[in-house]
Amino acid sequence: MTMSGTVTNPASEAALAYDSGRVGTLARDWLLLLKPRVISLVVFTGAAGLAMAPGPINPLVAAVSILCVCMASGAAGAINMWYDRDIDAVMKRTVTRPIPDGRIAPDAALGYGIGLSVASVILLWLATNALAAGILAFSIFFYAVIYTMWLKRSTPQNIVIGGAAGAFPPMIGWAAATGSMAIMPVVMFGIIFLWTPPHFWSLSLYACKDYGRAGIPMLPVVRGARHTRWQILWYTLILTATSLVPSFMHLAGWLYTVVASVLGAGFILCAIGVLRDRQDANGVSLTGDGPARRSFRYSLAYLFFLFLGLLADHAFIAH
């Protein structure tokens, strides 16, 4: 499979060169390769799917399941960093990552990612069931291959479609606990799937020059900042409506309904703030993209507290 849009300029090639004497010397670099900040939210939503599932689950099995989700998320992140090392080398916010900065060799990073991927899937299969392991394996493939190697460099809808990769953990957790699938984990998948575009497009608004320099067709690069601002608002409205599906389907009680409504209103206000930010004729912010940065930070808190509200409702209200 050939991929278009690869950056091949002398500056990036020079940045990819590494000192063999420094490779792999710091454990922290191997941890950074796993994208630990991303892992934390992925593991939390996976644990939420596990906790929402009906019936008891062995604590050891639950712990192993969460560990496998953690390993798989990190593995996908490592493969992503291996493949994206050329564009990471020309983007300001990624140039200090372990591979472009020369602290870890690309081949070692790839082997690390593949090894963790295989280990996580096999371990989950042995500890739980084939359905959970199969969804886990597909989520790794989706992020590492479909999103990273294909969508990210080929379409401005990369985040929309690729968002599915980060939405699988609740389904994995539920499948690990029950060996089957149901409406609730699918709804949880849908919430994360719809959350991803406004979350990442807020980031891409203030990192637009970075993405443009790297040749990544993010929405504001291809369609402009003004179009992206409107898309953030539309997706936020759809997300807010979708977040209330558990309430309308009687899968959650009043506590979750209140939490989802308040958090959704806050997200909508952030999106309106992004849309109304002072802009030039091209929709580019004249205020340093302050509203976009606030929207990005809020989106992280939004997903965490939404799922926390769902768990609290499940524990104290619905049951």
Protein backbone atom coordinates (compact mmCIF):
# COMPACT_ATOMS: atom_id res chain seq x y z
CA MET A 1 0.00 0.00 0.00
CA THR A 2 1.45 3.37 -1.00
CA MET A 3 0.65 6.56 0.87
CA SER A 4 0.59 10.07 -0.57
CA GLY A 5 1.54 13.32 1.13
CA THR A 6 4.78 12.16 2.81
CA VAL A 7 7.09 15.03 3.72
CA THR A 8 10.55 14.56 2.25
CA ASN A 9 12.53 17.74 2.70
CA PRO A 10 16.18 17.93 3.80
CA ALA A 11 15.31 19.60 7.09
CA SER A 12 13.02 16.79 8.17
CA GLU A 13 15.48 14.11 7.05
CA ALA A 14 18.19 15.76 9.11
CA ALA A 15 15.89 15.88 12.10
CA LEU A 16 15.26 12.14 11.81
CA ALA A 17 18.92 11.27 12.16
CA TYR A 18 19.70 9.81 15.57
CA ASP A 19 22.74 9.29 17.74
CA SER A 20 23.06 5.55 18.35
CA GLY A 21 24.74 6.24 21.67
CA ARG A 22 21.56 7.85 23.00
CA VAL A 23 18.99 5.45 21.62
CA GLY A 24 16.82 3.75 24.21
CA THR A 25 18.76 5.11 27.19
CA LEU A 26 15.80 6.68 28.96
CA ALA A 27 12.79 4.71 30.17
CA ARG A 28 10.81 7.94 30.02
CA ASP A 29 11.24 8.06 26.25
CA TRP A 30 9.74 4.59 25.85
CA LEU A 31 6.82 5.71 27.99
CA LEU A 32 6.36 8.87 25.90
CA LEU A 33 6.24 6.68 22.81
CA LEU A 34 2.98 5.23 24.15
CA LYS A 35 1.27 8.65 24.33
CA PRO A 36 0.41 8.35 28.05
CA ARG A 37 -1.90 11.38 28.08
CA VAL A 38 -4.05 9.73 25.41
CA ILE A 39 -3.95 6.38 27.24
CA SER A 40 -5.48 7.80 30.41
CA LEU A 41 -8.76 8.79 28.74
CA VAL A 42 -8.86 5.61 26.63
CA VAL A 43 -8.40 3.42 29.70
CA PHE A 44 -11.05 5.35 31.62
CA THR A 45 -13.68 4.90 28.89
CA GLY A 46 -12.75 1.22 28.59
CA ALA A 47 -13.14 0.79 32.35
CA ALA A 48 -16.49 2.58 32.11
CA GLY A 49 -17.71 0.01 29.58
CA LEU A 50 -16.53 -2.75 31.88
CA ALA A 51 -18.29 -1.24 34.91
CA MET A 52 -21.54 -0.58 33.02
CA ALA A 53 -21.83 -4.22 31.91
CA PRO A 54 -24.44 -6.33 33.73
CA GLY A 55 -23.44 -9.05 36.15
CA PRO A 56 -20.35 -9.54 38.30
CA ILE A 57 -16.84 -9.80 36.90
CA ASN A 58 -13.77 -11.28 38.54
CA PRO A 59 -11.55 -8.41 39.80
CA LEU A 60 -8.46 -10.06 38.33
CA VAL A 61 -10.14 -10.42 34.94
CA ALA A 62 -11.23 -6.78 35.12
CA ALA A 63 -7.67 -5.66 35.96
CA VAL A 64 -6.21 -7.70 33.09
CA SER A 65 -8.81 -6.30 30.69
CA ILE A 66 -7.94 -2.72 31.62
CA LEU A 67 -4.23 -3.52 31.33
CA CYS A 68 -4.80 -4.90 27.83
CA VAL A 69 -6.68 -1.77 26.74
CA CYS A 70 -3.80 0.29 28.15
CA MET A 71 -1.20 -1.80 26.31
CA ALA A 72 -3.13 -1.71 23.04
CA SER A 73 -3.63 2.05 23.18
CA GLY A 74 0.07 2.58 23.83
CA ALA A 75 1.01 0.14 21.09
CA ALA A 76 -1.12 1.97 18.54
CA GLY A 77 0.44 5.24 19.67
CA ALA A 78 3.94 3.84 19.18
CA ILE A 79 3.15 2.64 15.66
CA ASN A 80 1.60 6.04 14.93
CA MET A 81 4.78 7.81 16.07
CA TRP A 82 6.90 5.44 13.98
CA TYR A 83 4.92 6.12 10.81
CA ASP A 84 4.52 9.86 11.44
CA ARG A 85 8.19 10.48 12.26
CA ASP A 86 8.65 12.50 9.05
CA ILE A 87 5.82 14.94 9.77
CA ASP A 88 6.58 15.02 13.50
CA ALA A 89 10.03 16.33 12.59
CA VAL A 90 8.60 19.47 10.95
CA MET A 91 5.81 20.27 13.42
CA LYS A 92 6.68 22.46 16.41
CA ARG A 93 4.46 20.62 18.86
CA THR A 94 5.87 17.17 17.93
CA VAL A 95 9.50 17.79 16.98
CA THR A 96 10.71 16.84 20.46
CA ARG A 97 9.05 13.41 20.40
CA PRO A 98 11.49 10.52 20.98
CA ILE A 99 11.88 9.42 17.34
CA PRO A 100 12.30 12.76 15.50
CA ASP A 101 14.51 14.01 18.34
CA GLY A 102 16.78 10.99 17.87
CA ARG A 103 16.27 9.37 21.26
CA ILE A 104 14.67 6.15 19.95
CA ALA A 105 15.44 4.40 16.67
CA PRO A 106 12.44 4.05 14.29
CA ASP A 107 12.82 0.27 13.87
CA ALA A 108 12.95 -0.21 17.64
CA ALA A 109 9.78 1.84 18.03
CA LEU A 110 7.96 -0.22 15.41
CA GLY A 111 9.00 -3.49 17.03
CA TYR A 112 7.90 -2.13 20.39
CA GLY A 113 4.47 -1.21 19.05
CA ILE A 114 3.89 -4.48 17.22
CA GLY A 115 5.07 -6.53 20.20
CA LEU A 116 2.73 -4.74 22.60
CA SER A 117 -0.14 -5.06 20.12
CA VAL A 118 0.22 -8.82 19.79
CA ALA A 119 0.73 -9.31 23.53
CA SER A 120 -2.36 -7.25 24.45
CA VAL A 121 -4.66 -9.11 22.07
CA ILE A 122 -3.44 -12.58 23.08
CA LEU A 123 -3.61 -11.76 26.78
CA LEU A 124 -7.15 -10.38 26.51
CA TRP A 125 -8.24 -13.45 24.53
CA LEU A 126 -6.84 -15.80 27.16
CA ALA A 127 -8.26 -13.77 30.06
CA THR A 128 -11.72 -13.04 28.63
CA ASN A 129 -13.08 -14.05 25.23
CA ALA A 130 -12.60 -13.88 21.48
CA LEU A 131 -15.11 -11.05 20.96
CA ALA A 132 -13.26 -8.65 23.27
CA ALA A 133 -9.89 -9.63 21.78
CA GLY A 134 -11.24 -9.24 18.25
CA ILE A 135 -12.55 -5.72 18.89
CA LEU A 136 -9.25 -4.81 20.55
CA ALA A 137 -7.27 -6.09 17.56
CA PHE A 138 -9.49 -4.19 15.13
CA SER A 139 -9.15 -0.97 17.13
CA ILE A 140 -5.34 -1.19 16.92
CA PHE A 141 -5.53 -1.88 13.17
CA PHE A 142 -7.99 0.95 12.65
CA TYR A 143 -5.82 3.54 14.38
CA ALA A 144 -2.43 2.36 13.16
CA VAL A 145 -3.33 1.52 9.57
CA ILE A 146 -6.67 2.98 8.49
CA TYR A 147 -6.27 6.31 10.30
CA THR A 148 -2.51 6.84 10.56
CA MET A 149 -1.36 5.36 7.26
CA TRP A 150 -4.35 6.24 5.09
CA LEU A 151 -6.93 8.74 6.30
CA LYS A 152 -4.68 11.20 8.12
CA ARG A 153 -2.73 12.15 4.97
CA SER A 154 -5.46 11.75 2.39
CA THR A 155 -8.67 13.49 3.50
CA PRO A 156 -9.85 16.41 5.68
CA GLN A 157 -12.40 13.95 7.08
CA ASN A 158 -9.53 12.03 8.70
CA ILE A 159 -10.64 12.88 12.23
CA VAL A 160 -14.33 12.19 11.54
CA ILE A 161 -13.75 8.65 10.28
CA GLY A 162 -10.63 8.01 12.31
CA GLY A 163 -12.45 8.94 15.48
CA ALA A 164 -13.83 5.42 15.56
CA ALA A 165 -10.42 4.16 16.67
CA GLY A 166 -10.68 5.89 20.04
CA ALA A 167 -14.35 5.01 20.48
CA PHE A 168 -13.93 1.23 20.78
CA PRO A 169 -12.77 0.94 24.46
CA PRO A 170 -16.28 0.91 26.02
CA MET A 171 -17.25 -1.89 23.63
CA ILE A 172 -14.07 -3.78 24.53
CA GLY A 173 -14.78 -3.42 28.25
CA TRP A 174 -18.38 -4.53 27.87
CA ALA A 175 -17.41 -7.52 25.70
CA ALA A 176 -14.70 -8.53 28.16
CA ALA A 177 -17.27 -8.61 30.96
CA THR A 178 -20.13 -10.29 29.11
CA GLY A 179 -18.81 -11.96 25.97
CA SER A 180 -21.56 -10.21 24.01
CA MET A 181 -22.64 -6.80 22.73
CA ALA A 182 -25.62 -4.58 23.60
CA ILE A 183 -27.11 -1.16 22.90
CA MET A 184 -25.38 0.65 25.78
CA PRO A 185 -21.75 0.13 24.67
CA VAL A 186 -22.75 1.05 21.12
CA VAL A 187 -24.23 4.33 22.39
CA MET A 188 -21.03 4.96 24.36
CA PHE A 189 -19.08 4.32 21.16
CA GLY A 190 -21.28 6.85 19.36
CA ILE A 191 -20.71 9.52 21.99
CA ILE A 192 -16.91 9.24 21.74
CA PHE A 193 -17.10 9.05 17.94
CA LEU A 194 -19.05 12.33 17.75
CA TRP A 195 -16.91 13.95 20.46
CA THR A 196 -13.69 13.45 18.48
CA PRO A 197 -14.24 15.99 15.63
CA PRO A 198 -14.99 19.07 17.77
CA HIS A 199 -12.22 18.02 20.15
CA PHE A 200 -9.51 17.72 17.48
CA TRP A 201 -10.75 20.51 15.23
CA SER A 202 -10.41 22.91 18.16
CA LEU A 203 -6.78 21.82 18.39
CA SER A 204 -6.27 22.05 14.63
CA LEU A 205 -7.48 25.67 14.57
CA TYR A 206 -4.54 26.87 16.64
CA ALA A 207 -2.11 24.29 15.21
CA CYS A 208 -3.18 25.02 11.63
CA LYS A 209 0.23 26.32 10.51
CA ASP A 210 1.91 23.22 11.91
CA TYR A 211 -0.42 20.92 9.99
CA GLY A 212 -0.03 22.99 6.83
CA ARG A 213 3.75 22.89 7.08
CA ALA A 214 3.62 19.10 7.45
CA GLY A 215 1.21 18.65 4.54
CA ILE A 216 -1.59 17.17 6.64
CA PRO A 217 -5.03 17.95 5.16
CA MET A 218 -6.73 18.89 8.42
CA LEU A 219 -10.06 20.64 7.94
CA PRO A 220 -8.87 24.22 8.61
CA VAL A 221 -5.94 23.70 6.21
CA VAL A 222 -8.16 22.45 3.37
CA ARG A 223 -11.52 24.17 3.95
CA GLY A 224 -10.44 27.15 6.03
CA ALA A 225 -10.88 28.27 9.62
CA ARG A 226 -14.41 29.67 9.18
CA HIS A 227 -15.78 26.39 7.82
CA THR A 228 -14.07 24.51 10.66
CA ARG A 229 -15.66 26.78 13.28
CA TRP A 230 -19.14 26.02 11.94
CA GLN A 231 -18.37 22.29 11.84
CA ILE A 232 -17.29 22.39 15.48
CA LEU A 233 -20.64 23.91 16.42
CA TRP A 234 -22.73 21.46 14.36
CA TYR A 235 -20.91 18.42 15.70
CA THR A 236 -21.18 19.73 19.26
CA LEU A 237 -24.95 20.09 18.87
CA ILE A 238 -25.24 16.54 17.49
CA LEU A 239 -22.98 15.24 20.26
CA THR A 240 -25.10 16.87 22.95
CA ALA A 241 -28.27 15.32 21.52
CA THR A 242 -26.59 11.91 21.25
CA SER A 243 -25.33 12.11 24.82
CA LEU A 244 -28.98 12.15 25.95
CA VAL A 245 -29.85 8.92 24.12
CA PRO A 246 -29.20 6.79 27.26
CA SER A 247 -31.80 8.91 29.07
CA PHE A 248 -34.43 8.65 26.33
CA MET A 249 -33.85 4.88 26.04
CA HIS A 250 -34.13 4.49 29.83
CA LEU A 251 -30.57 3.19 30.00
CA ALA A 252 -29.66 5.90 32.52
CA GLY A 253 -31.44 7.88 35.22
CA TRP A 254 -31.95 11.51 36.17
CA LEU A 255 -28.41 12.02 37.52
CA TYR A 256 -26.83 11.25 34.17
CA THR A 257 -29.45 13.35 32.39
CA VAL A 258 -28.56 16.38 34.49
CA VAL A 259 -24.80 15.84 34.05
CA ALA A 260 -25.10 15.34 30.28
CA SER A 261 -27.34 18.40 29.89
CA VAL A 262 -25.07 20.71 31.89
CA LEU A 263 -21.88 19.47 30.24
CA GLY A 264 -23.49 19.66 26.81
CA ALA A 265 -24.61 23.24 27.41
CA GLY A 266 -21.07 24.13 28.42
CA PHE A 267 -19.63 22.52 25.28
CA ILE A 268 -22.14 24.37 23.09
CA LEU A 269 -21.14 27.67 24.72
CA CYS A 270 -17.49 26.86 24.00
CA ALA A 271 -18.34 26.09 20.37
CA ILE A 272 -20.27 29.35 20.04
CA GLY A 273 -17.27 31.13 21.53
CA VAL A 274 -15.04 29.57 18.87
CA LEU A 275 -17.46 30.64 16.15
CA ARG A 276 -17.72 34.21 17.47
CA ASP A 277 -14.01 34.66 18.07
CA ARG A 278 -12.66 37.81 16.42
CA GLN A 279 -11.51 36.73 12.96
CA ASP A 280 -10.02 38.18 9.82
CA ALA A 281 -11.61 37.80 6.37
CA ASN A 282 -10.43 34.16 6.20
CA GLY A 283 -11.80 33.21 9.59
CA VAL A 284 -8.37 33.19 11.24
CA SER A 285 -8.44 34.26 14.90
CA LEU A 286 -7.24 37.71 15.83
CA THR A 287 -7.03 36.79 19.52
CA GLY A 288 -4.53 33.93 19.41
CA ASP A 289 -7.28 31.30 19.20
CA GLY A 290 -8.06 31.64 22.89
CA PRO A 291 -11.63 30.28 22.48
CA ALA A 292 -10.35 27.31 20.46
CA ARG A 293 -7.81 26.48 23.15
CA ARG A 294 -10.51 26.72 25.84
CA SER A 295 -12.81 24.51 23.77
CA PHE A 296 -10.06 21.91 23.40
CA ARG A 297 -9.38 21.84 27.13
CA TYR A 298 -13.09 21.77 27.94
CA SER A 299 -13.63 18.83 25.59
CA LEU A 300 -11.19 16.72 27.60
CA ALA A 301 -13.00 17.49 30.85
CA TYR A 302 -16.35 16.99 29.11
CA LEU A 303 -15.76 13.38 28.13
CA PHE A 304 -14.27 12.46 31.49
CA PHE A 305 -17.10 13.94 33.55
CA LEU A 306 -19.79 12.67 31.16
CA PHE A 307 -18.65 9.09 31.61
CA LEU A 308 -18.12 9.68 35.32
CA GLY A 309 -21.73 10.86 35.51
CA LEU A 310 -22.84 7.74 33.66
CA LEU A 311 -20.96 5.55 36.14
CA ALA A 312 -22.34 7.43 39.14
CA ASP A 313 -25.87 7.15 37.80
CA HIS A 314 -25.40 3.43 37.15
CA ALA A 315 -24.07 2.86 40.67
CA PHE A 316 -26.41 5.03 42.74
CA ILE A 317 -29.56 5.84 40.72
CA ALA A 318 -30.40 3.36 37.97
CA HIS A 319 -29.70 0.42 40.22
